[in-house]
Each structure stands twice: as structure tokens, then as C-alpha cells.
């Protein structure tokens, strides 16, 4: 039996966000009457109410991709026909994995690192992979928020600064770079980013971007410094405000000239596109990333739920809300893009007529409305170039610009809170950091992210951001999710998991969940993983660099050093599970003897007064005859036990199991 001090140093943190874990000794008496002390972890933090949890998860899942990625995929993959594979993938891939992550986090009441270590020490690297991916994604995701802050500050003017080209050319003429591109593209590439010609020419840190990035991290730290106790209150705004703005935009957008043309272009199904396998791959990956699967954040959020929470209902509500938001945002976006297309169409016809009078020729097809609607844009191109051009044409442009970028900031912050929670919870679980408070750890992580993120504020910052976006969280996340599902169904055991869900929700999972968890979802994720790897090898990575002389982007190949960084990012996300497996496997062979139980074999059973019956059942299932009957003393039934001081354990069992009571 370990002494209290020694036992305390071996326990994982509660990752609760309320400071350091505190432990009190309790008495454990074995069947022979021998009494010893073990340490018991005090109360774990929890959500103030169910609404707080739901808003946090919705704010995490509904992010920038719902606004600027999903509309692009609809436009490129058959319009309304894309909704068919999208909702099929939601049913067979998205919802099952979302439900599984919520359930396993709520059941084991630990962060991502603790969950997979508890299931089996050899697969503990899954939690580390989630942390690495979350950290690298959090690095660049906050840069996008900082860009939104910059545009927000520039929107508080009577005339939007991206509405016209500056007259700073020779003799007061119009700037040629702006004239050859567009007002919004010039403001984005030259004023905002002051972009360099290539990733090999960083051209130093842009101070205005560095200050905006600092502001972004200060805002994030202020909201997450106390874990869910602080971020749980902020989500009342960050999770609801985007819907308010989207609703305002909706009623304005559908009344614009050309809105009908934009919606018709979006919703008209092109069923022949369903024969293209890339359409199905795009649907699967969009579902995967838009729900935030594999980051460990859902597991961390669910670990603060009460044990009897109905996580199945939560998974269904959040998944449907997320996908409905994507469709709703697409209606708004295409209404505005339809308005922009009609204006450009009319301008093009006017220029054609003018050129005709001057005996010049402009190809007629360039002026077609269909051609204007087919000009696809995604990501930063949609938000900072295309959409801002449409805002300029709206009456009261600065007001709509302020609303739009406030919405993007709110969407970004909600997702960033969840991403960083996945990192901080794991770090807080590590023994080496247990002595520090949650506020200090959160501050240290945010400062580190800011310093590393300064690379994104250089002239080549956008190029580096796209490299991180392409390699940091693509293949790694899919592999993590596949490992998670295999670990739960085939290591932890589906039957055992189903019993746990029945204990929590009062209803055992039906045939749909059984088939998806055991067969369909792993196969789909395996196909996505293989297809992603094949695509990477068959298509050498390139990036779009801004050419100031032609006023447009040109495709360039990444230099060798950038490809090395990309490879390191990809490997960092998938390597930890294999490293942890090999290290612990070798450690077990070296340390285990026939005479004693090695440190590598120690198992900790974390429980709470309300989940103690499940732990007792689980322990009996795992240990067979080693566990002597648990006898109660002073309690009428096992469901009301609030102390393990009277649990009678045999000496061999005490060597294998450590009971940890976290009061509800």
C-alpha cells in the first residue's frame, strides 16, 4: 500500500479547471482486516447547467467552416445534389462518432489522455495525438480570428477602405496593382497581409498583424483561463450571437436583387455529379471536420457532465443543429453572391457595350450570369474578398461589415475555446504540470501559441497558414477517429460500452448504433484515410502566391524546407500512438516479473458516488474471483455509497487497483 504522499504523486489531475487537484486520505480495509490509506480526489468541476454544456458544444462544432467551406462545396459538387451524400455521411459517420466521444468522456469522466489510458495503457498515445493536432490547429485558427479583428476595426468608417483603389501611383494615378486585381483583393493582399511573393521570402513581421494576434490570444485566455467555469459563461454570447447576425443577414439577403438567382444556382441538383467519388469524399470530410471529431475536445467537455446525462440526445441535437446551420448559412451566402453576380453581370454588359462603341471586342460569354455565379471561392477568398465586395454594394455597408466580422469572430472563438480545451485538459492531466493552477497553465500555453504564431504575421504568413491547414489536422484526425472507434468497440468492448450507456441513459444502444460503431463507421473512416493518403501522393502540394505585377494569384510548388515542415506536422499527429505502444510494451517486458506486479500494470479506477455501482460491476467483470464481495457498512444500498472506506479488497487486488472517489 502506497503512503499518502506517494499515492498523490501518481494520480492524474482532475483536469477540472478549478486549480490543482486536492486529495484527502481514506481508509481501505482488506478481507484480512489490514487497513491502509489511499488518497481520494475531491469534487470534479461540472457545468453550471445543461444549457451551458449544449451551447459550448454547439459553439465548438459550429465554426467558420459552416460559413465559408460548406457553400463552396455545394457550389462545386452539384448544388442541391451535394446534400444527398452530405446527409448520408452525417448518418453513418458523423453522428455515431460524435455520440461515442460524448459517451466515453461522460462515462470515464476524464480528458482525452486519461480516457484512453484508462481503457488500456498501450493505446494512451491516442490522447497525445489529439493534443498535438489540437495544438497545431489552435496555432493558426486564432490567426484567422486576428484577421477578422483587423477587418472589424477597419469597418468603423463612413466609407469602407476596400471600396475603392488608392490613388498612390505616379502623379496621383490609380494604383496599378489594385487596378489589375480588384479593390477587395488589393486591400486583402496588400493592406492587410502585405503579402510577400513566395513562402521563401517572409519579409519580416507585420506589426499590425502581430498586435491583432496578441489581442486574439488575450481574448481567448481571458475566456478559458478558468476552464469551463469561465468559458461556460462566455458561450452564452459566442454561441448565440452568430445566429442573430445570420438571421438579420437572411432577411436582408433574400430581398436583394439577384438573391433568387443565387439560391437557384445553389439548390438546383446536378445529379450526374453523384457519380464522381470525390463528391462523396468531400461530403465525408466536411462532416468529419465540421463536427470537430478527433480533437479530444468533445471528450473533455462531456467529462464535466453528470453521469446520468442523456448524451445520445445531446449528440443528435448538436449534429442536426450543426448541419442545419451549414444549410442556413449557405442560403445567406448564395443570396448575397447572387446579388453580387447580378451587379457584375450588368457592369460587364455595360463595359461590353462601351467597348463595342470603341470598336473593341469583349467575349460575350464573359458577361453571362451563369459565369458570374460559377466563380467559386472558399475560405479567406470568400470571406475577405468576395463577400466584402458584396457588402460594399449594400446600402449602409459599414454596418453590415461590422455585423459580418463580429459574427466570424464569435464563430471562431467558440471553436477555438473547444480546441484549446482539448489541449489544456490533457496538459492538466500530466503529472509534471500538476503543481500549477489552471490559470497559469492556460496562460503558458497561450503565450507559447502566440510566440510560435508570429510566423503567420510575416509577409509569408498566409502561405504558412495554408500549409498548416493542409497537413496539421487532415490525415492525423482521420486516423485518430479510426483508432478511437476501434479502441472503444474492440479493446474496451462494445458490450461493456453498451452497458455503460444503459447505466447513463437508461436505454441500451439499438441495432443502428451497433452496426455503425462496429462496422460501417470504421470502414468509412478507413476509406477516407486511404483516399487522403493516395491523394497526397498523387498530387504534389502547391500553394497560391500573390503576384503583384499581374494582380492575381499564381500556383507555386512548396520548397524543400516547407515540405519537411509539412511532413513533420503530419507525422506529429499520427506518431504518438505507435511510440506509446512500443515504449509501454517494451517497458512491460522489462519490468514485469512473476513475483510482483509492475508499475506498468497498475490500473486506476476513477469513480464517483453516483457511478460506484458501475465500477463495482466493471471490476467484477475484469477480475473474476480476485474481487471479494463488496460489503456495505452504514448504507442501505450500493447506490447511496459516498465513501470507499469500508470496501473490503483482497491484497492482490489492492496491488492492481486504485479506487479514486470524485464526489458528484
Foldseek 3Di string as FASTA:
>chain_A
DDAAVVQVLPAFFLLQLAWFWDWDWFWFAAPVGDIDIYIFTAFGAFFPDPVLLLLLLLLQLAFPCLQFPLLLLLLVQFFQLLVVLLVVLCQQAQLLLLLLLLLLLQLQLAFLLVSLVQLPLLQSLLLVLLQQLLLLCLLLLLLVLLLLVVLLVQLPDPARQLQDFFQPDPPSHGDPLCVLAHSLLCCVQCVRQVADQALVCQADFDVSSLVSSVVSLVVLLQQDLSHCVRVSVVSVCLSCLLVVLLVVLLVVLCPAPQLVVLSCSNNRGDNVSVVPVVSSLSSNQSSLPSSPASNRLSSNSSSSHHLQDQSSVSSVVSSVVNVVSSVSSSSSLSSLLSNVLVVQLVVVVVVQVVCVVVVHHDDPVCSDSVNSSSPRDGDCCSLRPRNLNSLSPDVVSSVSSNSSSVSNSSSSSSNSSSSVSSNLSVVSRDSVCSNTTSNVSSVVSSVVSSVVSSSLRTSCNVVLSVLSVLQQCQLLSLVSSLVSLCSVPPSSHPVLSQVSSCLRHVDGDDPSSVCSSPPRNSVVSVVSNVVSVVVPVVDQDWDWGADSVSSGTDIDHDDPVSVVVSVVSNCSSHPSSVVSSVVLVVVCVVADDPPADGPSQAHEREEELQCVVSVVVVCCVVPPPQFDDFDDDPDDDSNRDGDNNRGHGDPVVVRRYHYHYYYD
